[in-house]
Amino acid sequence: MKILGIGSRIEHKDYGKGVVTNVSSNYYWVTFMEKGLETIAIDSEFDIIEALQSDVDTVSFFDIETSLTKILRKWGDTHEKVALADKWRGGKLILEPNDGLANKEIPIDTFFHKIVMVRDRIRVMEQKINSSKNLDDQEKVDLQQYITRIYGSLTSFNVLFKNKSDQFVGDRSKG
């Protein structure tokens, strides 16, 4: 089956005449004169009025976006969406000094976001250490042990996380 290119003109039995405005691996987006924009399967029945060369890669935008998201998660300095435990939503963190000065209030959502950013940056650092060509294996092991201890120090904040899989984990062997 030959894939039609953008700009090809077709006639569909239900929608009438239209122009192909986008192509994915499974669908044509066609702007029909009377029905407007419709998505039809590539293997739908229709008559071709004028076929233009397909210079379109038939990978969908969704496929590209999914691949890019996976790459950025693995190698980028971005973080995934991490859920705050429901009991803390809308709450605040209150820091109360001992000397009678005014309290400092911080929305827990803001504080939680900063904790997640710290966690994500530690993960990026861990990836960079593990993929470094300038460090020998022993140096990588030593630095990995420091990172494990950092995670262990941050386990106090696990109470904020909704999902256990998002929490900090220190040295498991000392459990």
C-alpha atoms as a PDB file:
ATOM      1  CA  MET A   1       0.000   0.000   0.000  1.00  0.00           C
ATOM      2  CA  LYS A   2       1.365   3.393  -0.996  1.00  0.00           C
ATOM      3  CA  ILE A   3       1.119   6.104   1.655  1.00  0.00           C
ATOM      4  CA  LEU A   4      -0.361   9.376   0.431  1.00  0.00           C
ATOM      5  CA  GLY A   5       1.580  12.545   1.090  1.00  0.00           C
ATOM      6  CA  ILE A   6       0.322  15.707   2.722  1.00  0.00           C
ATOM      7  CA  GLY A   7      -1.688  17.716   0.221  1.00  0.00           C
ATOM      8  CA  SER A   8      -3.149  14.654  -1.515  1.00  0.00           C
ATOM      9  CA  ARG A   9      -6.818  15.027  -2.400  1.00  0.00           C
ATOM     10  CA  ILE A  10      -9.330  12.261  -1.755  1.00  0.00           C
ATOM     11  CA  GLU A  11     -13.053  11.603  -1.840  1.00  0.00           C
ATOM     12  CA  HIS A  12     -14.578   9.602   1.016  1.00  0.00           C
ATOM     13  CA  LYS A  13     -18.066   8.055   0.766  1.00  0.00           C
ATOM     14  CA  ASP A  14     -19.174   9.498   4.148  1.00  0.00           C
ATOM     15  CA  TYR A  15     -17.238  12.770   4.328  1.00  0.00           C
ATOM     16  CA  GLY A  16     -16.954  13.917   0.712  1.00  0.00           C
ATOM     17  CA  LYS A  17     -13.903  15.618  -0.814  1.00  0.00           C
ATOM     18  CA  GLY A  18     -10.932  16.517   1.341  1.00  0.00           C
ATOM     19  CA  VAL A  19      -7.206  17.172   1.568  1.00  0.00           C
ATOM     20  CA  VAL A  20      -4.723  15.115   3.602  1.00  0.00           C
ATOM     21  CA  THR A  21      -3.211  17.489   6.178  1.00  0.00           C
ATOM     22  CA  ASN A  22      -1.228  15.039   8.326  1.00  0.00           C
ATOM     23  CA  VAL A  23      -0.111  11.415   8.190  1.00  0.00           C
ATOM     24  CA  SER A  24       0.835   8.966  10.946  1.00  0.00           C
ATOM     25  CA  SER A  25       1.692   5.297  10.785  1.00  0.00           C
ATOM     26  CA  ASN A  26      -2.017   4.373  11.073  1.00  0.00           C
ATOM     27  CA  TYR A  27      -4.096   7.427  10.168  1.00  0.00           C
ATOM     28  CA  TYR A  28      -4.652  10.285   7.764  1.00  0.00           C
ATOM     29  CA  TRP A  29      -5.864  13.600   9.100  1.00  0.00           C
ATOM     30  CA  VAL A  30      -8.089  14.923   6.345  1.00  0.00           C
ATOM     31  CA  THR A  31      -9.781  18.297   6.141  1.00  0.00           C
ATOM     32  CA  PHE A  32     -13.045  17.707   4.316  1.00  0.00           C
ATOM     33  CA  MET A  33     -14.843  20.555   2.583  1.00  0.00           C
ATOM     34  CA  GLU A  34     -18.196  19.837   4.236  1.00  0.00           C
ATOM     35  CA  LYS A  35     -17.323  17.895   7.401  1.00  0.00           C
ATOM     36  CA  GLY A  36     -14.146  19.616   8.593  1.00  0.00           C
ATOM     37  CA  LEU A  37     -11.186  17.767  10.074  1.00  0.00           C
ATOM     38  CA  GLU A  38     -11.572  14.001  10.410  1.00  0.00           C
ATOM     39  CA  THR A  39      -9.131  11.218  11.211  1.00  0.00           C
ATOM     40  CA  ILE A  40      -9.464   8.161   9.013  1.00  0.00           C
ATOM     41  CA  ALA A  41      -7.541   4.895   9.020  1.00  0.00           C
ATOM     42  CA  ILE A  42      -4.928   4.578   6.278  1.00  0.00           C
ATOM     43  CA  ASP A  43      -6.640   1.415   5.039  1.00  0.00           C
ATOM     44  CA  SER A  44     -10.076   3.114   4.820  1.00  0.00           C
ATOM     45  CA  GLU A  45     -11.940   2.985   1.537  1.00  0.00           C
ATOM     46  CA  PHE A  46     -11.780   6.227  -0.431  1.00  0.00           C
ATOM     47  CA  ASP A  47     -11.062   7.406  -3.955  1.00  0.00           C
ATOM     48  CA  ILE A  48      -7.823   9.198  -4.679  1.00  0.00           C
ATOM     49  CA  ILE A  49      -8.393  12.382  -6.678  1.00  0.00           C
ATOM     50  CA  GLU A  50      -4.734  13.450  -6.644  1.00  0.00           C
ATOM     51  CA  ALA A  51      -1.908  11.582  -4.957  1.00  0.00           C
ATOM     52  CA  LEU A  52       1.155  13.532  -3.880  1.00  0.00           C
ATOM     53  CA  GLN A  53       4.495  11.903  -3.166  1.00  0.00           C
ATOM     54  CA  SER A  54       4.783  10.786   0.441  1.00  0.00           C
ATOM     55  CA  ASP A  55       7.812  12.539   1.829  1.00  0.00           C
ATOM     56  CA  VAL A  56       6.404  12.000   5.285  1.00  0.00           C
ATOM     57  CA  ASP A  57       7.964   9.739   7.876  1.00  0.00           C
ATOM     58  CA  THR A  58       5.042   7.640   9.051  1.00  0.00           C
ATOM     59  CA  VAL A  59       6.051   7.766  12.688  1.00  0.00           C
ATOM     60  CA  SER A  60       3.363   9.605  14.616  1.00  0.00           C
ATOM     61  CA  PHE A  61       3.952  12.660  16.749  1.00  0.00           C
ATOM     62  CA  PHE A  62       2.924  10.545  19.745  1.00  0.00           C
ATOM     63  CA  ASP A  63       5.659   8.000  18.950  1.00  0.00           C
ATOM     64  CA  ILE A  64       8.258  10.760  18.679  1.00  0.00           C
ATOM     65  CA  GLU A  65       7.079  12.419  21.881  1.00  0.00           C
ATOM     66  CA  THR A  66       7.154   9.103  23.768  1.00  0.00           C
ATOM     67  CA  SER A  67      10.683   8.336  22.567  1.00  0.00           C
ATOM     68  CA  LEU A  68      11.924  11.825  23.403  1.00  0.00           C
ATOM     69  CA  THR A  69      10.374  11.660  26.873  1.00  0.00           C
ATOM     70  CA  LYS A  70      12.148   8.353  27.567  1.00  0.00           C
ATOM     71  CA  ILE A  71      15.471   9.799  26.412  1.00  0.00           C
ATOM     72  CA  LEU A  72      15.070  12.927  28.536  1.00  0.00           C
ATOM     73  CA  ARG A  73      14.132  10.880  31.597  1.00  0.00           C
ATOM     74  CA  LYS A  74      17.184   8.720  31.163  1.00  0.00           C
ATOM     75  CA  TRP A  75      19.768  11.350  30.273  1.00  0.00           C
ATOM     76  CA  GLY A  76      18.311  14.781  30.995  1.00  0.00           C
ATOM     77  CA  ASP A  77      18.158  16.952  34.058  1.00  0.00           C
ATOM     78  CA  THR A  78      14.383  16.703  34.130  1.00  0.00           C
ATOM     79  CA  HIS A  79      12.178  15.024  36.659  1.00  0.00           C
ATOM     80  CA  GLU A  80       9.143  12.842  36.463  1.00  0.00           C
ATOM     81  CA  LYS A  81       5.843  13.732  38.042  1.00  0.00           C
ATOM     82  CA  VAL A  82       5.940  12.572  41.640  1.00  0.00           C
ATOM     83  CA  ALA A  83       2.816  12.607  43.777  1.00  0.00           C
ATOM     84  CA  LEU A  84       2.641  14.267  47.177  1.00  0.00           C
ATOM     85  CA  ALA A  85       0.776  12.178  49.770  1.00  0.00           C
ATOM     86  CA  ASP A  86      -2.856  13.306  49.880  1.00  0.00           C
ATOM     87  CA  LYS A  87      -2.752  14.176  53.591  1.00  0.00           C
ATOM     88  CA  TRP A  88      -0.190  16.920  52.868  1.00  0.00           C
ATOM     89  CA  ARG A  89      -1.964  18.615  49.935  1.00  0.00           C
ATOM     90  CA  GLY A  90      -2.572  22.264  50.678  1.00  0.00           C
ATOM     91  CA  GLY A  91      -0.629  21.969  53.931  1.00  0.00           C
ATOM     92  CA  LYS A  92       2.226  24.141  55.115  1.00  0.00           C
ATOM     93  CA  LEU A  93       5.565  23.647  56.764  1.00  0.00           C
ATOM     94  CA  ILE A  94       6.082  25.931  59.759  1.00  0.00           C
ATOM     95  CA  LEU A  95       9.602  26.766  60.959  1.00  0.00           C
ATOM     96  CA  GLU A  96       9.476  28.187  64.465  1.00  0.00           C
ATOM     97  CA  PRO A  97      12.662  29.821  65.801  1.00  0.00           C
ATOM     98  CA  ASN A  98      13.514  29.462  69.492  1.00  0.00           C
ATOM     99  CA  ASP A  99      14.269  33.155  70.038  1.00  0.00           C
ATOM    100  CA  GLY A 100      10.704  34.452  69.643  1.00  0.00           C
ATOM    101  CA  LEU A 101      11.123  35.745  66.087  1.00  0.00           C
ATOM    102  CA  ALA A 102       8.322  35.304  63.574  1.00  0.00           C
ATOM    103  CA  ASN A 103       7.607  31.870  62.169  1.00  0.00           C
ATOM    104  CA  LYS A 104       8.426  31.047  58.563  1.00  0.00           C
ATOM    105  CA  GLU A 105       5.660  29.246  56.660  1.00  0.00           C
ATOM    106  CA  ILE A 106       6.297  27.373  53.422  1.00  0.00           C
ATOM    107  CA  PRO A 107       3.617  25.571  51.409  1.00  0.00           C
ATOM    108  CA  ILE A 108       4.369  21.844  51.626  1.00  0.00           C
ATOM    109  CA  ASP A 109       3.859  21.559  47.859  1.00  0.00           C
ATOM    110  CA  THR A 110       6.776  23.986  47.333  1.00  0.00           C
ATOM    111  CA  PHE A 111       8.973  22.196  49.853  1.00  0.00           C
ATOM    112  CA  PHE A 112       8.086  18.809  48.336  1.00  0.00           C
ATOM    113  CA  HIS A 113       8.962  20.059  44.845  1.00  0.00           C
ATOM    114  CA  LYS A 114      12.409  21.082  46.115  1.00  0.00           C
ATOM    115  CA  ILE A 115      12.952  17.660  47.715  1.00  0.00           C
ATOM    116  CA  VAL A 116      12.007  15.961  44.432  1.00  0.00           C
ATOM    117  CA  MET A 117      14.411  18.240  42.546  1.00  0.00           C
ATOM    118  CA  VAL A 118      17.220  17.253  44.940  1.00  0.00           C
ATOM    119  CA  ARG A 119      16.395  13.572  44.399  1.00  0.00           C
ATOM    120  CA  ASP A 120      16.370  13.983  40.615  1.00  0.00           C
ATOM    121  CA  ARG A 121      19.671  15.830  40.582  1.00  0.00           C
ATOM    122  CA  ILE A 122      21.271  13.124  42.714  1.00  0.00           C
ATOM    123  CA  ARG A 123      20.002  10.555  40.192  1.00  0.00           C
ATOM    124  CA  VAL A 124      21.522  12.536  37.308  1.00  0.00           C
ATOM    125  CA  MET A 125      24.812  12.785  39.207  1.00  0.00           C
ATOM    126  CA  GLU A 126      24.679   9.017  39.794  1.00  0.00           C
ATOM    127  CA  GLN A 127      24.177   8.392  36.056  1.00  0.00           C
ATOM    128  CA  LYS A 128      27.053  10.692  35.169  1.00  0.00           C
ATOM    129  CA  ILE A 129      29.347   8.963  37.656  1.00  0.00           C
ATOM    130  CA  ASN A 130      28.425   5.521  36.346  1.00  0.00           C
ATOM    131  CA  SER A 131      28.965   6.526  32.696  1.00  0.00           C
ATOM    132  CA  SER A 132      32.153   8.516  33.336  1.00  0.00           C
ATOM    133  CA  LYS A 133      35.189   7.442  31.382  1.00  0.00           C
ATOM    134  CA  ASN A 134      37.501   9.500  33.634  1.00  0.00           C
ATOM    135  CA  LEU A 135      36.821   7.520  36.820  1.00  0.00           C
ATOM    136  CA  ASP A 136      38.130   4.033  37.468  1.00  0.00           C
ATOM    137  CA  ASP A 137      35.856   1.354  38.913  1.00  0.00           C
ATOM    138  CA  GLN A 138      37.022   1.859  42.511  1.00  0.00           C
ATOM    139  CA  GLU A 139      36.345   5.614  42.342  1.00  0.00           C
ATOM    140  CA  LYS A 140      32.863   4.896  40.954  1.00  0.00           C
ATOM    141  CA  VAL A 141      32.174   2.482  43.826  1.00  0.00           C
ATOM    142  CA  ASP A 142      33.392   5.038  46.399  1.00  0.00           C
ATOM    143  CA  LEU A 143      31.222   7.804  44.945  1.00  0.00           C
ATOM    144  CA  GLN A 144      28.248   5.428  44.713  1.00  0.00           C
ATOM    145  CA  GLN A 145      28.611   4.712  48.441  1.00  0.00           C
ATOM    146  CA  TYR A 146      28.439   8.455  49.173  1.00  0.00           C
ATOM    147  CA  ILE A 147      25.293   8.729  47.071  1.00  0.00           C
ATOM    148  CA  THR A 148      23.748   5.793  48.950  1.00  0.00           C
ATOM    149  CA  ARG A 149      24.476   7.602  52.234  1.00  0.00           C
ATOM    150  CA  ILE A 150      22.925  10.800  50.866  1.00  0.00           C
ATOM    151  CA  TYR A 151      19.757   8.861  50.011  1.00  0.00           C
ATOM    152  CA  GLY A 152      19.820   7.401  53.520  1.00  0.00           C
ATOM    153  CA  SER A 153      20.021  10.890  55.030  1.00  0.00           C
ATOM    154  CA  LEU A 154      17.013  11.961  52.995  1.00  0.00           C
ATOM    155  CA  THR A 155      14.737   9.065  54.038  1.00  0.00           C
ATOM    156  CA  SER A 156      13.201  11.348  56.687  1.00  0.00           C
ATOM    157  CA  PHE A 157      11.302  13.025  53.847  1.00  0.00           C
ATOM    158  CA  ASN A 158       9.710   9.763  52.647  1.00  0.00           C
ATOM    159  CA  VAL A 159       6.593  10.591  54.674  1.00  0.00           C
ATOM    160  CA  LEU A 160       5.786  13.221  52.025  1.00  0.00           C
ATOM    161  CA  PHE A 161       5.669  10.791  49.086  1.00  0.00           C
ATOM    162  CA  LYS A 162       2.385   9.230  48.028  1.00  0.00           C
ATOM    163  CA  ASN A 163       4.006   6.224  46.327  1.00  0.00           C
ATOM    164  CA  LYS A 164       6.597   4.073  48.059  1.00  0.00           C
ATOM    165  CA  SER A 165       8.411   3.605  44.732  1.00  0.00           C
ATOM    166  CA  ASP A 166       9.243   7.354  44.690  1.00  0.00           C
ATOM    167  CA  GLN A 167      10.834   7.360  48.153  1.00  0.00           C
ATOM    168  CA  PHE A 168      14.507   7.642  49.051  1.00  0.00           C
ATOM    169  CA  VAL A 169      16.276   4.365  49.811  1.00  0.00           C
ATOM    170  CA  GLY A 170      19.566   4.245  51.674  1.00  0.00           C
ATOM    171  CA  ASP A 171      21.728   1.201  52.311  1.00  0.00           C
ATOM    172  CA  ARG A 172      19.323  -1.764  52.211  1.00  0.00           C
ATOM    173  CA  SER A 173      21.730  -4.135  53.918  1.00  0.00           C
ATOM    174  CA  LYS A 174      21.450  -2.258  57.225  1.00  0.00           C
ATOM    175  CA  GLY A 175      17.640  -2.725  57.373  1.00  0.00           C
END
